[in-house]
């Protein structure tokens, strides 16, 4: 097993890993980076409607071997979206519509 270091970055901060983690191989280290990124995504507020976060993976020789990137974009619309009914309707939807008529 090899040691990998998982550094976290976003638009404002860099948090370099002080301790490494053992992973079976590079593929497992990439999966771990993606998991770390998904776990911190919920704590990331949008700044000006967007947020970018990165987890870089370094090996024991301090080389970056993998980067996971998550970009979140939020955008308000001026007009409410129109709901288009589905062509395949259930009997209960037809009954509900007739009840309202």
N, C-alpha and C. Protein backbone atom coordinates (compact mmCIF):
# COMPACT_ATOMS: atom_id res chain seq x y z
N UNK A 1 0.85 -1.18 0.00
CA UNK A 1 0.00 0.00 0.00
C UNK A 1 0.89 1.24 0.00
N UNK A 2 0.39 2.26 -0.66
CA UNK A 2 1.15 3.51 -0.77
C UNK A 2 0.47 4.60 0.06
N UNK A 3 1.25 5.61 0.41
CA UNK A 3 0.75 6.75 1.17
C UNK A 3 0.40 7.88 0.20
N UNK A 4 -0.78 8.47 0.38
CA UNK A 4 -1.23 9.60 -0.43
C UNK A 4 -1.68 10.73 0.49
N UNK A 5 -1.47 11.95 0.03
CA UNK A 5 -1.85 13.15 0.77
C UNK A 5 -2.97 13.85 0.01
N UNK A 6 -4.03 14.24 0.72
CA UNK A 6 -5.21 14.83 0.11
C UNK A 6 -5.32 16.31 0.51
N UNK A 7 -4.95 17.19 -0.40
CA UNK A 7 -5.00 18.63 -0.15
C UNK A 7 -6.33 19.19 -0.63
N UNK A 8 -6.95 20.04 0.17
CA UNK A 8 -8.23 20.65 -0.19
C UNK A 8 -8.03 22.12 -0.52
N UNK A 9 -8.70 22.57 -1.59
CA UNK A 9 -8.64 23.98 -2.00
C UNK A 9 -10.02 24.40 -2.46
N UNK A 10 -10.30 25.69 -2.28
CA UNK A 10 -11.48 26.27 -2.88
C UNK A 10 -11.11 27.67 -3.36
N UNK A 11 -12.10 28.50 -3.61
CA UNK A 11 -11.83 29.83 -4.14
C UNK A 11 -11.10 30.73 -3.14
N UNK A 12 -11.14 30.39 -1.86
CA UNK A 12 -10.56 31.25 -0.83
C UNK A 12 -9.46 30.61 0.00
N UNK A 13 -9.47 29.30 0.15
CA UNK A 13 -8.57 28.65 1.09
C UNK A 13 -7.81 27.49 0.46
N UNK A 14 -6.66 27.19 1.06
CA UNK A 14 -5.89 26.00 0.73
C UNK A 14 -5.60 25.29 2.04
N UNK A 15 -5.93 24.01 2.11
CA UNK A 15 -5.66 23.22 3.31
C UNK A 15 -4.81 22.03 2.90
N UNK A 16 -3.49 22.17 3.02
CA UNK A 16 -2.62 21.04 2.65
C UNK A 16 -2.69 19.94 3.71
N UNK A 17 -2.64 18.71 3.25
CA UNK A 17 -2.67 17.56 4.16
C UNK A 17 -1.35 17.48 4.93
N UNK A 18 -1.45 17.33 6.22
CA UNK A 18 -0.26 17.16 7.06
C UNK A 18 0.10 15.69 7.22
N UNK A 19 -0.93 14.84 7.18
CA UNK A 19 -0.72 13.40 7.31
C UNK A 19 -1.22 12.71 6.06
N UNK A 20 -0.55 11.67 5.67
CA UNK A 20 -0.98 10.88 4.52
C UNK A 20 -1.89 9.75 4.93
N UNK A 21 -2.55 9.16 3.94
CA UNK A 21 -3.42 8.01 4.15
C UNK A 21 -2.96 6.87 3.26
N UNK A 22 -3.04 5.67 3.77
CA UNK A 22 -2.68 4.50 2.97
C UNK A 22 -3.82 4.16 2.02
N UNK A 23 -3.48 3.93 0.77
CA UNK A 23 -4.44 3.48 -0.23
C UNK A 23 -3.81 2.32 -0.99
N UNK A 24 -4.65 1.43 -1.45
CA UNK A 24 -4.18 0.24 -2.16
C UNK A 24 -3.42 0.62 -3.42
N UNK A 25 -3.97 1.59 -4.19
CA UNK A 25 -3.34 2.02 -5.43
C UNK A 25 -3.85 3.42 -5.79
N UNK A 26 -3.43 3.92 -6.96
CA UNK A 26 -3.84 5.26 -7.39
C UNK A 26 -5.35 5.34 -7.60
N UNK A 27 -5.96 4.27 -8.10
CA UNK A 27 -7.40 4.26 -8.31
C UNK A 27 -8.14 4.48 -6.98
N UNK A 28 -7.70 3.80 -5.95
CA UNK A 28 -8.32 3.94 -4.63
C UNK A 28 -8.10 5.35 -4.08
N UNK A 29 -6.93 5.93 -4.36
CA UNK A 29 -6.67 7.31 -3.91
C UNK A 29 -7.59 8.29 -4.63
N UNK A 30 -7.85 8.06 -5.92
CA UNK A 30 -8.77 8.91 -6.67
C UNK A 30 -10.19 8.81 -6.13
N UNK A 31 -10.61 7.60 -5.78
CA UNK A 31 -11.94 7.41 -5.19
C UNK A 31 -12.04 8.13 -3.85
N UNK A 32 -10.97 8.05 -3.07
CA UNK A 32 -10.95 8.73 -1.76
C UNK A 32 -11.05 10.25 -1.95
N UNK A 33 -10.35 10.79 -2.93
CA UNK A 33 -10.41 12.23 -3.21
C UNK A 33 -11.82 12.65 -3.60
N UNK A 34 -12.47 11.86 -4.43
CA UNK A 34 -13.85 12.17 -4.84
C UNK A 34 -14.79 12.11 -3.65
N UNK A 35 -14.60 11.16 -2.76
CA UNK A 35 -15.43 11.04 -1.57
C UNK A 35 -15.24 12.26 -0.66
N UNK A 36 -14.00 12.65 -0.44
CA UNK A 36 -13.71 13.84 0.38
C UNK A 36 -14.41 15.05 -0.21
N UNK A 37 -14.30 15.21 -1.51
CA UNK A 37 -14.91 16.36 -2.19
C UNK A 37 -16.43 16.36 -2.03
N UNK A 38 -17.05 15.21 -2.18
CA UNK A 38 -18.51 15.16 -2.04
C UNK A 38 -18.93 15.43 -0.60
N UNK A 39 -18.12 15.06 0.37
CA UNK A 39 -18.46 15.29 1.77
C UNK A 39 -18.38 16.77 2.14
N UNK A 40 -17.43 17.50 1.56
CA UNK A 40 -17.30 18.92 1.92
C UNK A 40 -18.20 19.81 1.07
N UNK A 41 -18.80 19.27 0.01
CA UNK A 41 -19.62 20.09 -0.89
C UNK A 41 -20.81 20.71 -0.18
N UNK A 42 -21.43 19.99 0.74
CA UNK A 42 -22.60 20.51 1.44
C UNK A 42 -22.30 21.69 2.35
N UNK A 43 -21.06 21.86 2.74
CA UNK A 43 -20.68 22.95 3.63
C UNK A 43 -20.17 24.18 2.88
N UNK A 44 -20.26 24.15 1.56
CA UNK A 44 -19.70 25.23 0.75
C UNK A 44 -20.78 26.24 0.35
N UNK A 45 -20.75 27.44 0.90
CA UNK A 45 -21.72 28.45 0.45
C UNK A 45 -21.33 28.97 -0.93
N UNK A 46 -22.34 29.35 -1.70
CA UNK A 46 -22.08 29.95 -3.01
C UNK A 46 -21.64 31.39 -2.81
N UNK A 47 -20.64 31.80 -3.53
CA UNK A 47 -20.17 33.19 -3.53
C UNK A 47 -20.38 33.71 -4.94
N UNK A 48 -21.21 34.75 -5.05
CA UNK A 48 -21.58 35.29 -6.36
C UNK A 48 -22.17 34.21 -7.27
N UNK A 49 -22.94 33.30 -6.67
CA UNK A 49 -23.63 32.29 -7.45
C UNK A 49 -22.80 31.10 -7.87
N UNK A 50 -21.59 30.96 -7.34
CA UNK A 50 -20.77 29.82 -7.75
C UNK A 50 -19.81 29.41 -6.65
N UNK A 51 -19.27 28.23 -6.80
CA UNK A 51 -18.27 27.72 -5.88
C UNK A 51 -17.47 26.64 -6.58
N UNK A 52 -16.16 26.69 -6.45
CA UNK A 52 -15.29 25.66 -7.01
C UNK A 52 -14.43 25.10 -5.89
N UNK A 53 -14.35 23.79 -5.82
CA UNK A 53 -13.50 23.14 -4.83
C UNK A 53 -12.69 22.05 -5.50
N UNK A 54 -11.53 21.80 -4.94
CA UNK A 54 -10.58 20.85 -5.51
C UNK A 54 -10.00 19.98 -4.40
N UNK A 55 -9.72 18.76 -4.72
CA UNK A 55 -8.90 17.91 -3.87
C UNK A 55 -7.78 17.40 -4.76
N UNK A 56 -6.56 17.75 -4.39
CA UNK A 56 -5.42 17.22 -5.13
C UNK A 56 -4.79 16.12 -4.30
N UNK A 57 -4.32 15.11 -5.00
CA UNK A 57 -3.72 13.96 -4.34
C UNK A 57 -2.23 13.96 -4.66
N UNK A 58 -1.43 13.95 -3.60
CA UNK A 58 0.03 13.87 -3.76
C UNK A 58 0.51 12.50 -3.30
N UNK A 59 1.54 12.00 -3.98
CA UNK A 59 2.14 10.74 -3.54
C UNK A 59 3.25 11.03 -2.54
N UNK A 60 3.92 10.00 -2.09
CA UNK A 60 4.97 10.15 -1.08
C UNK A 60 6.15 10.98 -1.57
N UNK A 61 6.31 11.08 -2.90
CA UNK A 61 7.39 11.89 -3.48
C UNK A 61 6.94 13.34 -3.71
N UNK A 62 5.75 13.69 -3.19
CA UNK A 62 5.19 15.04 -3.28
C UNK A 62 4.76 15.43 -4.69
N UNK A 63 4.50 14.45 -5.55
CA UNK A 63 4.00 14.71 -6.90
C UNK A 63 2.49 14.65 -6.89
N UNK A 64 1.84 15.60 -7.59
CA UNK A 64 0.39 15.54 -7.72
C UNK A 64 0.06 14.46 -8.74
N UNK A 65 -0.72 13.47 -8.30
CA UNK A 65 -1.04 12.33 -9.17
C UNK A 65 -2.52 12.31 -9.57
N UNK A 66 -3.36 13.12 -8.90
CA UNK A 66 -4.79 13.13 -9.21
C UNK A 66 -5.39 14.43 -8.71
N UNK A 67 -6.37 14.95 -9.44
CA UNK A 67 -7.12 16.12 -9.01
C UNK A 67 -8.60 15.87 -9.23
N UNK A 68 -9.39 16.09 -8.19
CA UNK A 68 -10.85 16.01 -8.29
C UNK A 68 -11.37 17.45 -8.17
N UNK A 69 -12.27 17.84 -9.06
CA UNK A 69 -12.78 19.21 -9.10
C UNK A 69 -14.30 19.17 -9.06
N UNK A 70 -14.88 20.04 -8.24
CA UNK A 70 -16.34 20.18 -8.18
C UNK A 70 -16.69 21.65 -8.35
N UNK A 71 -17.47 21.94 -9.38
CA UNK A 71 -17.95 23.30 -9.64
C UNK A 71 -19.46 23.32 -9.41
N UNK A 72 -19.92 24.25 -8.59
CA UNK A 72 -21.34 24.42 -8.33
C UNK A 72 -21.72 25.81 -8.79
N UNK A 73 -22.79 25.88 -9.58
CA UNK A 73 -23.28 27.16 -10.08
C UNK A 73 -24.76 27.25 -9.77
N UNK A 74 -25.16 28.35 -9.15
CA UNK A 74 -26.57 28.62 -8.88
C UNK A 74 -27.01 29.83 -9.68
N UNK A 75 -28.18 29.74 -10.27
CA UNK A 75 -28.64 30.86 -11.11
C UNK A 75 -30.14 31.02 -10.94
N UNK A 76 -30.56 32.23 -10.61
CA UNK A 76 -31.98 32.55 -10.52
C UNK A 76 -32.51 32.85 -11.91
N UNK A 77 -33.75 32.46 -12.15
CA UNK A 77 -34.39 32.78 -13.42
C UNK A 77 -35.40 33.89 -13.18
N UNK A 78 -35.66 34.69 -14.21
CA UNK A 78 -36.60 35.80 -14.10
C UNK A 78 -38.04 35.34 -14.25
N UNK A 79 -38.25 34.27 -14.95
CA UNK A 79 -39.60 33.79 -15.23
C UNK A 79 -39.73 32.38 -14.68
N UNK A 80 -40.85 32.11 -14.01
CA UNK A 80 -41.08 30.77 -13.50
C UNK A 80 -41.20 29.80 -14.66
N UNK A 81 -40.62 28.65 -14.51
CA UNK A 81 -40.66 27.64 -15.57
C UNK A 81 -42.08 27.12 -15.72
N UNK A 82 -42.50 26.95 -16.96
CA UNK A 82 -43.83 26.42 -17.25
C UNK A 82 -43.78 24.91 -17.15
N UNK A 83 -44.73 24.33 -16.45
CA UNK A 83 -44.80 22.89 -16.30
C UNK A 83 -45.59 22.33 -17.47
N UNK A 84 -44.97 21.42 -18.20
CA UNK A 84 -45.61 20.79 -19.35
C UNK A 84 -46.08 19.42 -18.91
N UNK A 85 -47.39 19.14 -19.02
CA UNK A 85 -47.88 17.82 -18.58
C UNK A 85 -47.32 16.71 -19.46
N UNK A 86 -47.15 15.58 -18.84
CA UNK A 86 -46.65 14.41 -19.54
C UNK A 86 -47.73 13.86 -20.48
N UNK A 87 -47.31 13.28 -21.61
CA UNK A 87 -48.26 12.70 -22.56
C UNK A 87 -48.85 11.41 -22.01
N UNK A 88 -48.09 10.72 -21.18
CA UNK A 88 -48.61 9.48 -20.59
C UNK A 88 -49.20 9.83 -19.22
N UNK A 89 -50.52 9.88 -19.16
CA UNK A 89 -51.20 10.27 -17.94
C UNK A 89 -51.80 9.04 -17.28
N UNK A 90 -51.86 9.07 -15.98
CA UNK A 90 -52.48 7.96 -15.27
C UNK A 90 -53.98 8.20 -15.15
N UNK A 91 -54.72 7.16 -14.83
CA UNK A 91 -56.17 7.28 -14.64
C UNK A 91 -56.49 8.20 -13.48
N UNK A 92 -55.66 8.18 -12.44
CA UNK A 92 -55.93 9.03 -11.29
C UNK A 92 -55.76 10.51 -11.65
N UNK A 93 -54.84 10.84 -12.55
CA UNK A 93 -54.67 12.23 -13.00
C UNK A 93 -55.88 12.69 -13.78
N UNK A 94 -56.44 11.81 -14.63
CA UNK A 94 -57.65 12.15 -15.39
C UNK A 94 -58.83 12.34 -14.43
N UNK A 95 -58.96 11.47 -13.43
CA UNK A 95 -60.05 11.58 -12.47
C UNK A 95 -59.94 12.88 -11.69
N UNK A 96 -58.72 13.24 -11.26
CA UNK A 96 -58.50 14.48 -10.53
C UNK A 96 -58.89 15.68 -11.36
N UNK A 97 -58.52 15.68 -12.63
CA UNK A 97 -58.84 16.81 -13.50
C UNK A 97 -60.34 16.94 -13.71
N UNK A 98 -61.05 15.82 -13.88
CA UNK A 98 -62.50 15.86 -14.05
C UNK A 98 -63.20 16.33 -12.77
N UNK A 99 -62.63 16.03 -11.61
CA UNK A 99 -63.20 16.44 -10.35
C UNK A 99 -63.13 17.97 -10.21
N UNK A 100 -62.06 18.56 -10.70
CA UNK A 100 -61.90 20.00 -10.62
C UNK A 100 -62.80 20.75 -11.59
N UNK A 101 -63.18 20.12 -12.68
CA UNK A 101 -63.96 20.78 -13.73
C UNK A 101 -65.39 21.04 -13.34
